[in-house]
Amino acid sequence: MNAAEQPLLPLCRRLRDARRAKGMTQSELAGQVGCQQSAISMLEAGRMEALARPTVEKMAALLGVDLDTEPARDALPSATGSGRGFCPNGDCPSNVPFAIGGELIFWPRRQPVEGGRHCAFCGEVLERVCRQCGAPATEGACCATCGTPRVPPPPLGDSDLDHWAETRRRCIADWRALHAQ
C-alpha cells in the first residue's frame, strides 16, 4: 500500500498496523500511553470509544499516525430514531463472519429499529450509521462511503481465521435452525 492510500484506512486499523510495524505489543503501547492493554485491544477491534481522545492523540503521535484525516466525532449523525440498523457485536448470531484477505469481515443482518433500539438476537444497541464517517447504514459488510467494516471482529489472537469463520457460520446456522422451530 502506498502512502497516499494509508489515510483512507480506518483509524483503528492504521493504529494497529503502525504498532505492529514498530514491533510493539499492545501491553508495551498501553504502558507508554498510560492505559490498559484491553483498551488498546478494543480500539484496534474498531471500538473507538474505548479510549479518550487525548490518549488516542498520544498513541497516534507515538506511532506516527496522522489524525488530521479523521472526521470530527461530534459531527457524526445520531443513531437514534426509526429505520434499519445493524448489531455492532462480532459475537452476535445476526452477523455472519467471513475471512477475506487475512481479515475477519462480518455480514450484518439489518434489523428494524422502530420497535426498539436493541438487537433482537443479543440485545446490543443497534447502529444506523457508520462509526467512521457517519454515512447511513446500507446493505453489505462495509460502509459504502468509507469502506470501514460495519462490525469490528472480536479479539481472536493468532486463530486460523478461515477455520474460525467456518466454524462460527456452522454454529450460527445451528442456532438459527433451533430458534426457527
C-alpha atoms as a PDB file:
ATOM      1  CA  MET A   1       0.000   0.000   0.000  1.00  0.00           C
ATOM      2  CA  ASN A   2       1.349   3.411  -0.865  1.00  0.00           C
ATOM      3  CA  ALA A   3       1.392   6.418   1.454  1.00  0.00           C
ATOM      4  CA  ALA A   4      -1.475   8.116  -0.399  1.00  0.00           C
ATOM      5  CA  GLU A   5      -3.801   5.170   0.343  1.00  0.00           C
ATOM      6  CA  GLN A   6      -2.880   4.953   4.043  1.00  0.00           C
ATOM      7  CA  PRO A   7      -5.175   7.782   5.294  1.00  0.00           C
ATOM      8  CA  LEU A   8      -8.181   6.033   3.726  1.00  0.00           C
ATOM      9  CA  LEU A   9      -7.905   3.118   6.136  1.00  0.00           C
ATOM     10  CA  PRO A  10      -9.971   3.356   9.306  1.00  0.00           C
ATOM     11  CA  LEU A  11      -8.030   4.854  12.191  1.00  0.00           C
ATOM     12  CA  CYS A  12      -8.217   1.684  14.295  1.00  0.00           C
ATOM     13  CA  ARG A  13      -6.529  -0.325  11.521  1.00  0.00           C
ATOM     14  CA  ARG A  14      -3.892   2.337  10.903  1.00  0.00           C
ATOM     15  CA  LEU A  15      -3.008   2.436  14.615  1.00  0.00           C
ATOM     16  CA  ARG A  16      -2.848  -1.361  14.783  1.00  0.00           C
ATOM     17  CA  ASP A  17      -0.695  -1.599  11.654  1.00  0.00           C
ATOM     18  CA  ALA A  18       1.657   1.143  12.916  1.00  0.00           C
ATOM     19  CA  ARG A  19       2.037  -0.605  16.290  1.00  0.00           C
ATOM     20  CA  ARG A  20       2.839  -3.893  14.581  1.00  0.00           C
ATOM     21  CA  ALA A  21       5.291  -2.200  12.192  1.00  0.00           C
ATOM     22  CA  LYS A  22       7.185  -0.841  15.217  1.00  0.00           C
ATOM     23  CA  GLY A  23       7.265  -4.347  16.717  1.00  0.00           C
ATOM     24  CA  MET A  24       5.353  -3.268  19.824  1.00  0.00           C
ATOM     25  CA  THR A  25       2.924  -5.398  21.791  1.00  0.00           C
ATOM     26  CA  GLN A  26      -0.401  -3.979  22.924  1.00  0.00           C
ATOM     27  CA  SER A  27       0.892  -4.122  26.508  1.00  0.00           C
ATOM     28  CA  GLU A  28       4.015  -2.123  25.635  1.00  0.00           C
ATOM     29  CA  LEU A  29       1.968   0.535  23.874  1.00  0.00           C
ATOM     30  CA  ALA A  30      -0.526   0.691  26.742  1.00  0.00           C
ATOM     31  CA  GLY A  31       2.328   1.270  29.198  1.00  0.00           C
ATOM     32  CA  GLN A  32       3.711   4.113  27.107  1.00  0.00           C
ATOM     33  CA  VAL A  33       0.397   5.950  26.675  1.00  0.00           C
ATOM     34  CA  GLY A  34      -0.951   5.226  30.176  1.00  0.00           C
ATOM     35  CA  CYS A  35      -3.919   2.923  29.593  1.00  0.00           C
ATOM     36  CA  GLN A  36      -4.843  -0.762  29.888  1.00  0.00           C
ATOM     37  CA  GLN A  37      -3.869  -3.372  27.256  1.00  0.00           C
ATOM     38  CA  SER A  38      -7.551  -4.322  26.962  1.00  0.00           C
ATOM     39  CA  ALA A  39      -8.388  -0.752  25.877  1.00  0.00           C
ATOM     40  CA  ILE A  40      -5.780  -0.987  23.094  1.00  0.00           C
ATOM     41  CA  SER A  41      -7.300  -4.316  22.043  1.00  0.00           C
ATOM     42  CA  MET A  42     -10.810  -2.838  21.949  1.00  0.00           C
ATOM     43  CA  LEU A  43      -9.620   0.197  19.973  1.00  0.00           C
ATOM     44  CA  GLU A  44      -7.825  -1.993  17.422  1.00  0.00           C
ATOM     45  CA  ALA A  45     -11.013  -4.054  17.076  1.00  0.00           C
ATOM     46  CA  GLY A  46     -12.849  -0.898  15.998  1.00  0.00           C
ATOM     47  CA  ARG A  47     -14.285   0.345  19.295  1.00  0.00           C
ATOM     48  CA  MET A  48     -13.057   3.934  19.073  1.00  0.00           C
ATOM     49  CA  GLU A  49     -14.866   4.844  22.289  1.00  0.00           C
ATOM     50  CA  ALA A  50     -12.521   2.557  24.275  1.00  0.00           C
ATOM     51  CA  LEU A  51     -10.003   5.378  24.739  1.00  0.00           C
ATOM     52  CA  ALA A  52     -10.354   9.088  25.386  1.00  0.00           C
ATOM     53  CA  ARG A  53      -9.357  11.395  22.536  1.00  0.00           C
ATOM     54  CA  PRO A  54      -6.212  12.680  24.360  1.00  0.00           C
ATOM     55  CA  THR A  55      -4.979   9.088  24.782  1.00  0.00           C
ATOM     56  CA  VAL A  56      -5.645   8.335  21.101  1.00  0.00           C
ATOM     57  CA  GLU A  57      -3.733  11.511  20.178  1.00  0.00           C
ATOM     58  CA  LYS A  58      -0.807  10.439  22.373  1.00  0.00           C
ATOM     59  CA  MET A  59      -0.849   6.972  20.795  1.00  0.00           C
ATOM     60  CA  ALA A  60      -1.020   8.391  17.263  1.00  0.00           C
ATOM     61  CA  ALA A  61       1.916  10.730  17.951  1.00  0.00           C
ATOM     62  CA  LEU A  62       3.979   7.855  19.373  1.00  0.00           C
ATOM     63  CA  LEU A  63       3.192   5.635  16.367  1.00  0.00           C
ATOM     64  CA  GLY A  64       3.489   8.386  13.748  1.00  0.00           C
ATOM     65  CA  VAL A  65      -0.149   8.169  12.606  1.00  0.00           C
ATOM     66  CA  ASP A  66      -1.759  11.353  11.258  1.00  0.00           C
ATOM     67  CA  LEU A  67      -5.134  12.124  12.859  1.00  0.00           C
ATOM     68  CA  ASP A  68      -5.903  15.082  10.591  1.00  0.00           C
ATOM     69  CA  THR A  69      -7.594  12.771   8.072  1.00  0.00           C
ATOM     70  CA  GLU A  70     -10.208  11.650  10.640  1.00  0.00           C
ATOM     71  CA  PRO A  71     -13.771  13.057  10.710  1.00  0.00           C
ATOM     72  CA  ALA A  72     -14.795  15.024  13.761  1.00  0.00           C
ATOM     73  CA  ARG A  73     -16.540  12.581  16.120  1.00  0.00           C
ATOM     74  CA  ASP A  74     -19.058  15.181  17.308  1.00  0.00           C
ATOM     75  CA  ALA A  75     -20.057  15.932  13.705  1.00  0.00           C
ATOM     76  CA  LEU A  76     -21.399  12.411  13.178  1.00  0.00           C
ATOM     77  CA  PRO A  77     -25.171  11.982  12.972  1.00  0.00           C
ATOM     78  CA  SER A  78     -27.053  10.330  15.793  1.00  0.00           C
ATOM     79  CA  ALA A  79     -28.071   6.677  15.565  1.00  0.00           C
ATOM     80  CA  THR A  80     -31.469   7.252  17.129  1.00  0.00           C
ATOM     81  CA  GLY A  81     -34.897   7.208  15.550  1.00  0.00           C
ATOM     82  CA  SER A  82     -36.571   4.872  13.077  1.00  0.00           C
ATOM     83  CA  GLY A  83     -35.146   2.990  10.110  1.00  0.00           C
ATOM     84  CA  ARG A  84     -32.954  -0.096   9.925  1.00  0.00           C
ATOM     85  CA  GLY A  85     -29.867  -0.786  11.973  1.00  0.00           C
ATOM     86  CA  PHE A  86     -27.226  -3.432  12.442  1.00  0.00           C
ATOM     87  CA  CYS A  87     -25.714  -5.049  15.508  1.00  0.00           C
ATOM     88  CA  PRO A  88     -22.077  -3.993  16.089  1.00  0.00           C
ATOM     89  CA  ASN A  89     -21.333  -7.112  18.188  1.00  0.00           C
ATOM     90  CA  GLY A  90     -18.996  -9.548  16.399  1.00  0.00           C
ATOM     91  CA  ASP A  91     -20.200 -12.388  18.645  1.00  0.00           C
ATOM     92  CA  CYS A  92     -23.877 -11.858  17.720  1.00  0.00           C
ATOM     93  CA  PRO A  93     -25.539 -14.529  15.543  1.00  0.00           C
ATOM     94  CA  SER A  94     -27.015 -11.736  13.399  1.00  0.00           C
ATOM     95  CA  ASN A  95     -23.515 -11.150  11.973  1.00  0.00           C
ATOM     96  CA  VAL A  96     -22.073 -13.807   9.654  1.00  0.00           C
ATOM     97  CA  PRO A  97     -18.234 -13.932   9.595  1.00  0.00           C
ATOM     98  CA  PHE A  98     -16.015 -14.377   6.533  1.00  0.00           C
ATOM     99  CA  ALA A  99     -12.210 -14.453   6.382  1.00  0.00           C
ATOM    100  CA  ILE A 100     -11.144 -12.279   3.448  1.00  0.00           C
ATOM    101  CA  GLY A 101      -7.597 -11.261   2.672  1.00  0.00           C
ATOM    102  CA  GLY A 102      -6.305 -12.190   6.116  1.00  0.00           C
ATOM    103  CA  GLU A 103      -9.006 -10.153   7.887  1.00  0.00           C
ATOM    104  CA  LEU A 104     -12.278 -11.101   9.507  1.00  0.00           C
ATOM    105  CA  ILE A 105     -15.302  -9.343   7.976  1.00  0.00           C
ATOM    106  CA  PHE A 106     -18.888  -9.713   9.181  1.00  0.00           C
ATOM    107  CA  TRP A 107     -22.001  -9.523   7.003  1.00  0.00           C
ATOM    108  CA  PRO A 108     -24.603  -7.999   9.353  1.00  0.00           C
ATOM    109  CA  ARG A 109     -28.309  -8.760   9.132  1.00  0.00           C
ATOM    110  CA  ARG A 110     -30.086  -5.397   9.104  1.00  0.00           C
ATOM    111  CA  GLN A 111     -32.882  -5.136  11.639  1.00  0.00           C
ATOM    112  CA  PRO A 112     -35.823  -2.743  12.022  1.00  0.00           C
ATOM    113  CA  VAL A 113     -35.341  -0.287  14.882  1.00  0.00           C
ATOM    114  CA  GLU A 114     -38.884   1.137  15.013  1.00  0.00           C
ATOM    115  CA  GLY A 115     -39.981  -1.033  17.962  1.00  0.00           C
ATOM    116  CA  GLY A 116     -36.747  -0.683  19.880  1.00  0.00           C
ATOM    117  CA  ARG A 117     -33.122   0.212  19.525  1.00  0.00           C
ATOM    118  CA  HIS A 118     -31.705  -3.171  20.540  1.00  0.00           C
ATOM    119  CA  CYS A 119     -30.630  -6.238  18.584  1.00  0.00           C
ATOM    120  CA  ALA A 120     -33.295  -8.929  18.537  1.00  0.00           C
ATOM    121  CA  PHE A 121     -30.560 -11.587  18.900  1.00  0.00           C
ATOM    122  CA  CYS A 122     -28.162 -10.326  21.588  1.00  0.00           C
ATOM    123  CA  GLY A 123     -29.645  -7.089  22.971  1.00  0.00           C
ATOM    124  CA  GLU A 124     -26.799  -4.782  21.828  1.00  0.00           C
ATOM    125  CA  VAL A 125     -27.796  -1.251  20.801  1.00  0.00           C
ATOM    126  CA  LEU A 126     -28.287  -1.183  17.019  1.00  0.00           C
ATOM    127  CA  GLU A 127     -26.287   1.243  14.913  1.00  0.00           C
ATOM    128  CA  ARG A 128     -27.741   3.081  11.897  1.00  0.00           C
ATOM    129  CA  VAL A 129     -24.674   4.974  10.729  1.00  0.00           C
ATOM    130  CA  CYS A 130     -21.011   4.233  10.087  1.00  0.00           C
ATOM    131  CA  ARG A 131     -18.842   4.841  13.171  1.00  0.00           C
ATOM    132  CA  GLN A 132     -16.056   6.196  10.980  1.00  0.00           C
ATOM    133  CA  CYS A 133     -17.741   8.641   8.584  1.00  0.00           C
ATOM    134  CA  GLY A 134     -21.372   8.870   9.728  1.00  0.00           C
ATOM    135  CA  ALA A 135     -22.872   7.652   6.433  1.00  0.00           C
ATOM    136  CA  PRO A 136     -26.247   5.881   6.759  1.00  0.00           C
ATOM    137  CA  ALA A 137     -26.054   2.106   7.040  1.00  0.00           C
ATOM    138  CA  THR A 138     -26.720   0.238   3.819  1.00  0.00           C
ATOM    139  CA  GLU A 139     -26.557  -3.445   2.915  1.00  0.00           C
ATOM    140  CA  GLY A 140     -23.121  -5.010   2.989  1.00  0.00           C
ATOM    141  CA  ALA A 141     -20.253  -5.812   5.299  1.00  0.00           C
ATOM    142  CA  CYS A 142     -18.514  -2.443   4.890  1.00  0.00           C
ATOM    143  CA  CYS A 143     -19.587   1.177   4.675  1.00  0.00           C
ATOM    144  CA  ALA A 144     -20.260   2.126   1.051  1.00  0.00           C
ATOM    145  CA  THR A 145     -18.799   5.591   1.675  1.00  0.00           C
ATOM    146  CA  CYS A 146     -15.504   4.969   3.510  1.00  0.00           C
ATOM    147  CA  GLY A 147     -15.049   1.178   3.398  1.00  0.00           C
ATOM    148  CA  THR A 148     -14.933   0.696   7.175  1.00  0.00           C
ATOM    149  CA  PRO A 149     -16.165  -2.746   8.271  1.00  0.00           C
ATOM    150  CA  ARG A 150     -19.556  -2.339   9.975  1.00  0.00           C
ATOM    151  CA  VAL A 151     -18.845  -4.917  12.680  1.00  0.00           C
ATOM    152  CA  PRO A 152     -15.452  -4.970  14.407  1.00  0.00           C
ATOM    153  CA  PRO A 153     -14.173  -8.521  14.956  1.00  0.00           C
ATOM    154  CA  PRO A 154     -13.758  -9.916  18.456  1.00  0.00           C
ATOM    155  CA  PRO A 155     -10.135 -10.387  19.588  1.00  0.00           C
ATOM    156  CA  LEU A 156      -9.038 -13.801  18.309  1.00  0.00           C
ATOM    157  CA  GLY A 157      -5.299 -13.774  18.841  1.00  0.00           C
ATOM    158  CA  ASP A 158      -3.476 -15.990  16.348  1.00  0.00           C
ATOM    159  CA  SER A 159      -6.524 -18.052  15.337  1.00  0.00           C
ATOM    160  CA  ASP A 160      -6.851 -19.521  11.854  1.00  0.00           C
ATOM    161  CA  LEU A 161      -9.436 -17.024  10.575  1.00  0.00           C
ATOM    162  CA  ASP A 162     -10.783 -19.262   7.800  1.00  0.00           C
ATOM    163  CA  HIS A 163     -11.395 -22.120  10.231  1.00  0.00           C
ATOM    164  CA  TRP A 164     -12.826 -19.806  12.914  1.00  0.00           C
ATOM    165  CA  ALA A 165     -15.238 -18.158  10.433  1.00  0.00           C
ATOM    166  CA  GLU A 166     -16.377 -21.504   9.015  1.00  0.00           C
ATOM    167  CA  THR A 167     -16.968 -22.946  12.500  1.00  0.00           C
ATOM    168  CA  ARG A 168     -18.815 -19.786  13.583  1.00  0.00           C
ATOM    169  CA  ARG A 169     -21.058 -19.887  10.469  1.00  0.00           C
ATOM    170  CA  ARG A 170     -21.992 -23.501  11.289  1.00  0.00           C
ATOM    171  CA  CYS A 171     -22.802 -22.510  14.886  1.00  0.00           C
ATOM    172  CA  ILE A 172     -24.952 -19.602  13.670  1.00  0.00           C
ATOM    173  CA  ALA A 173     -26.817 -21.879  11.238  1.00  0.00           C
ATOM    174  CA  ASP A 174     -27.474 -24.397  14.030  1.00  0.00           C
ATOM    175  CA  TRP A 175     -28.591 -21.616  16.394  1.00  0.00           C
ATOM    176  CA  ARG A 176     -30.970 -20.131  13.794  1.00  0.00           C
ATOM    177  CA  ALA A 177     -32.405 -23.577  12.984  1.00  0.00           C
ATOM    178  CA  LEU A 178     -33.145 -24.196  16.675  1.00  0.00           C
ATOM    179  CA  HIS A 179     -34.833 -20.825  17.096  1.00  0.00           C
ATOM    180  CA  ALA A 180     -36.887 -21.174  13.893  1.00  0.00           C
ATOM    181  CA  GLN A 181     -38.775 -24.152  15.311  1.00  0.00           C
END
